Amino acid sequence: MANAHMGLRLYLAGTEGLIGQAMQAALEAGIDHTSVQTEHRGSLARRMQCVHCKGITENVTTQPATCSHCGLLLLVRDHYSRRLAAFQGVCINAEDRSEIPPIEEVFR
């Protein structure tokens, strides 16, 4: 991508995590995000960033999910950060840690 010429169009296909990381590399190489076309294929598992410890957890399939770094129970938001190539996870039971909602597999 470092040798790309003006007018380059990029097509990415794969899981959200793979597309996000490839998009991140393209942006770092100076390719505008409007020049990238994406097609989701495969698992809906998400790459999640814990907003509390900043750790990244790969292949998240449940809602809520546990942060693999700090252990907090996180609500996986639909907010996606192109810069981080990850969905945001926020503590779901910050006020009462004993309050644990049912965990369901929703991102297959």
C-alpha atoms as a PDB file:
ATOM      1  CA  MET A   1       0.000   0.000   0.000  1.00  0.00           C
ATOM      2  CA  ALA A   2       2.944   2.303   0.531  1.00  0.00           C
ATOM      3  CA  ASN A   3       3.489   2.380  -3.253  1.00  0.00           C
ATOM      4  CA  ALA A   4      -0.179   2.948  -4.097  1.00  0.00           C
ATOM      5  CA  HIS A   5      -1.022   5.553  -6.712  1.00  0.00           C
ATOM      6  CA  MET A   6      -3.739   8.186  -6.629  1.00  0.00           C
ATOM      7  CA  GLY A   7      -7.162   6.739  -7.440  1.00  0.00           C
ATOM      8  CA  LEU A   8      -6.509   3.353  -5.821  1.00  0.00           C
ATOM      9  CA  ARG A   9      -9.651   1.493  -4.747  1.00  0.00           C
ATOM     10  CA  LEU A  10      -9.397  -1.249  -2.147  1.00  0.00           C
ATOM     11  CA  TYR A  11     -11.839  -4.135  -1.690  1.00  0.00           C
ATOM     12  CA  LEU A  12     -11.803  -6.020   1.625  1.00  0.00           C
ATOM     13  CA  ALA A  13     -13.811  -9.162   2.410  1.00  0.00           C
ATOM     14  CA  GLY A  14     -13.794 -11.197   5.616  1.00  0.00           C
ATOM     15  CA  THR A  15     -14.801 -11.054   9.259  1.00  0.00           C
ATOM     16  CA  GLU A  16     -15.314  -7.703  10.977  1.00  0.00           C
ATOM     17  CA  GLY A  17     -12.032  -8.041  12.853  1.00  0.00           C
ATOM     18  CA  LEU A  18     -10.039  -8.809   9.707  1.00  0.00           C
ATOM     19  CA  ILE A  19     -11.692  -6.011   7.738  1.00  0.00           C
ATOM     20  CA  GLY A  20     -11.122  -3.554  10.577  1.00  0.00           C
ATOM     21  CA  GLN A  21      -7.434  -4.370  10.910  1.00  0.00           C
ATOM     22  CA  ALA A  22      -6.884  -4.228   7.129  1.00  0.00           C
ATOM     23  CA  MET A  23      -8.757  -0.911   7.026  1.00  0.00           C
ATOM     24  CA  GLN A  24      -6.543   0.373   9.829  1.00  0.00           C
ATOM     25  CA  ALA A  25      -3.437  -0.515   7.773  1.00  0.00           C
ATOM     26  CA  ALA A  26      -4.930   1.200   4.712  1.00  0.00           C
ATOM     27  CA  LEU A  27      -5.663   4.386   6.667  1.00  0.00           C
ATOM     28  CA  GLU A  28      -2.130   4.400   8.083  1.00  0.00           C
ATOM     29  CA  ALA A  29      -0.824   4.104   4.502  1.00  0.00           C
ATOM     30  CA  GLY A  30      -2.776   7.243   3.576  1.00  0.00           C
ATOM     31  CA  ILE A  31      -5.708   5.622   1.761  1.00  0.00           C
ATOM     32  CA  ASP A  32      -8.968   7.489   2.409  1.00  0.00           C
ATOM     33  CA  HIS A  33     -11.728   5.355   3.954  1.00  0.00           C
ATOM     34  CA  THR A  34     -14.098   6.379   1.146  1.00  0.00           C
ATOM     35  CA  SER A  35     -11.825   4.534  -1.296  1.00  0.00           C
ATOM     36  CA  VAL A  36     -12.319   1.233   0.509  1.00  0.00           C
ATOM     37  CA  GLN A  37     -15.241  -1.081  -0.175  1.00  0.00           C
ATOM     38  CA  THR A  38     -15.946  -3.828   2.352  1.00  0.00           C
ATOM     39  CA  GLU A  39     -17.988  -7.008   2.409  1.00  0.00           C
ATOM     40  CA  HIS A  40     -18.589  -8.909   5.612  1.00  0.00           C
ATOM     41  CA  ARG A  41     -18.091 -12.682   5.286  1.00  0.00           C
ATOM     42  CA  GLY A  42     -18.008 -15.346   7.962  1.00  0.00           C
ATOM     43  CA  SER A  43     -18.465 -15.060  11.697  1.00  0.00           C
ATOM     44  CA  LEU A  44     -20.135 -12.068  13.346  1.00  0.00           C
ATOM     45  CA  ALA A  45     -17.710 -12.343  16.292  1.00  0.00           C
ATOM     46  CA  ARG A  46     -16.528  -8.908  17.332  1.00  0.00           C
ATOM     47  CA  ARG A  47     -13.202  -7.388  18.236  1.00  0.00           C
ATOM     48  CA  MET A  48     -13.866  -5.381  21.388  1.00  0.00           C
ATOM     49  CA  GLN A  49     -11.930  -2.690  23.219  1.00  0.00           C
ATOM     50  CA  CYS A  50     -12.568  -2.263  26.939  1.00  0.00           C
ATOM     51  CA  VAL A  51     -12.995   1.483  27.533  1.00  0.00           C
ATOM     52  CA  HIS A  52     -11.749   1.010  31.111  1.00  0.00           C
ATOM     53  CA  CYS A  53      -8.377  -0.756  30.646  1.00  0.00           C
ATOM     54  CA  LYS A  54      -8.028  -0.200  26.852  1.00  0.00           C
ATOM     55  CA  GLY A  55      -7.378  -3.926  26.318  1.00  0.00           C
ATOM     56  CA  ILE A  56      -8.553  -5.627  23.122  1.00  0.00           C
ATOM     57  CA  THR A  57     -10.515  -8.888  23.304  1.00  0.00           C
ATOM     58  CA  GLU A  58     -10.812 -10.848  20.053  1.00  0.00           C
ATOM     59  CA  ASN A  59     -13.679 -13.056  18.837  1.00  0.00           C
ATOM     60  CA  VAL A  60     -16.382 -11.846  21.240  1.00  0.00           C
ATOM     61  CA  THR A  61     -19.630 -13.735  20.612  1.00  0.00           C
ATOM     62  CA  THR A  62     -21.613 -13.017  23.788  1.00  0.00           C
ATOM     63  CA  GLN A  63     -23.552 -10.096  25.205  1.00  0.00           C
ATOM     64  CA  PRO A  64     -22.373  -9.113  27.778  1.00  0.00           C
ATOM     65  CA  ALA A  65     -18.739 -10.215  27.445  1.00  0.00           C
ATOM     66  CA  THR A  66     -15.846 -10.440  29.881  1.00  0.00           C
ATOM     67  CA  CYS A  67     -12.744  -8.343  29.210  1.00  0.00           C
ATOM     68  CA  SER A  68      -9.785 -10.692  28.744  1.00  0.00           C
ATOM     69  CA  HIS A  69      -7.477  -8.117  30.372  1.00  0.00           C
ATOM     70  CA  CYS A  70      -9.200  -6.647  33.437  1.00  0.00           C
ATOM     71  CA  GLY A  71     -12.067  -9.131  33.884  1.00  0.00           C
ATOM     72  CA  LEU A  72     -14.885  -6.564  33.883  1.00  0.00           C
ATOM     73  CA  LEU A  73     -18.269  -7.632  32.526  1.00  0.00           C
ATOM     74  CA  LEU A  74     -18.857  -5.436  29.484  1.00  0.00           C
ATOM     75  CA  LEU A  75     -21.818  -4.394  27.370  1.00  0.00           C
ATOM     76  CA  VAL A  76     -20.615  -4.695  23.771  1.00  0.00           C
ATOM     77  CA  ARG A  77     -21.865  -1.514  22.138  1.00  0.00           C
ATOM     78  CA  ASP A  78     -22.711  -1.164  18.461  1.00  0.00           C
ATOM     79  CA  HIS A  79     -20.319   1.806  18.392  1.00  0.00           C
ATOM     80  CA  TYR A  80     -17.388   0.877  16.140  1.00  0.00           C
ATOM     81  CA  SER A  81     -14.087   2.745  16.179  1.00  0.00           C
ATOM     82  CA  ARG A  82     -12.322   2.785  12.807  1.00  0.00           C
ATOM     83  CA  ARG A  83      -9.191   4.075  14.526  1.00  0.00           C
ATOM     84  CA  LEU A  84      -9.076   1.054  16.873  1.00  0.00           C
ATOM     85  CA  ALA A  85     -10.780  -1.415  14.514  1.00  0.00           C
ATOM     86  CA  ALA A  86     -12.940  -2.531  17.428  1.00  0.00           C
ATOM     87  CA  PHE A  87     -16.349  -2.212  19.022  1.00  0.00           C
ATOM     88  CA  GLN A  88     -16.486  -0.472  22.388  1.00  0.00           C
ATOM     89  CA  GLY A  89     -17.197  -2.389  25.597  1.00  0.00           C
ATOM     90  CA  VAL A  90     -18.411  -0.595  28.742  1.00  0.00           C
ATOM     91  CA  CYS A  91     -18.921  -2.016  32.247  1.00  0.00           C
ATOM     92  CA  ILE A  92     -22.486  -3.300  32.476  1.00  0.00           C
ATOM     93  CA  ASN A  93     -22.648  -3.587  36.266  1.00  0.00           C
ATOM     94  CA  ALA A  94     -20.446  -0.759  37.547  1.00  0.00           C
ATOM     95  CA  GLU A  95     -22.775   0.206  40.387  1.00  0.00           C
ATOM     96  CA  ASP A  96     -23.390  -3.311  41.696  1.00  0.00           C
ATOM     97  CA  ARG A  97     -20.883  -6.002  40.652  1.00  0.00           C
ATOM     98  CA  SER A  98     -23.150  -8.721  42.038  1.00  0.00           C
ATOM     99  CA  GLU A  99     -25.767  -7.799  39.436  1.00  0.00           C
ATOM    100  CA  ILE A 100     -24.962 -10.128  36.536  1.00  0.00           C
ATOM    101  CA  PRO A 101     -27.372 -10.163  33.590  1.00  0.00           C
ATOM    102  CA  PRO A 102     -27.830 -13.380  31.608  1.00  0.00           C
ATOM    103  CA  ILE A 103     -25.067 -13.968  29.060  1.00  0.00           C
ATOM    104  CA  GLU A 104     -26.329 -14.785  25.569  1.00  0.00           C
ATOM    105  CA  GLU A 105     -24.478 -15.715  22.407  1.00  0.00           C
ATOM    106  CA  VAL A 106     -25.544 -13.058  19.909  1.00  0.00           C
ATOM    107  CA  PHE A 107     -22.530 -12.553  17.584  1.00  0.00           C
ATOM    108  CA  ARG A 108     -22.031 -15.897  15.848  1.00  0.00           C
END
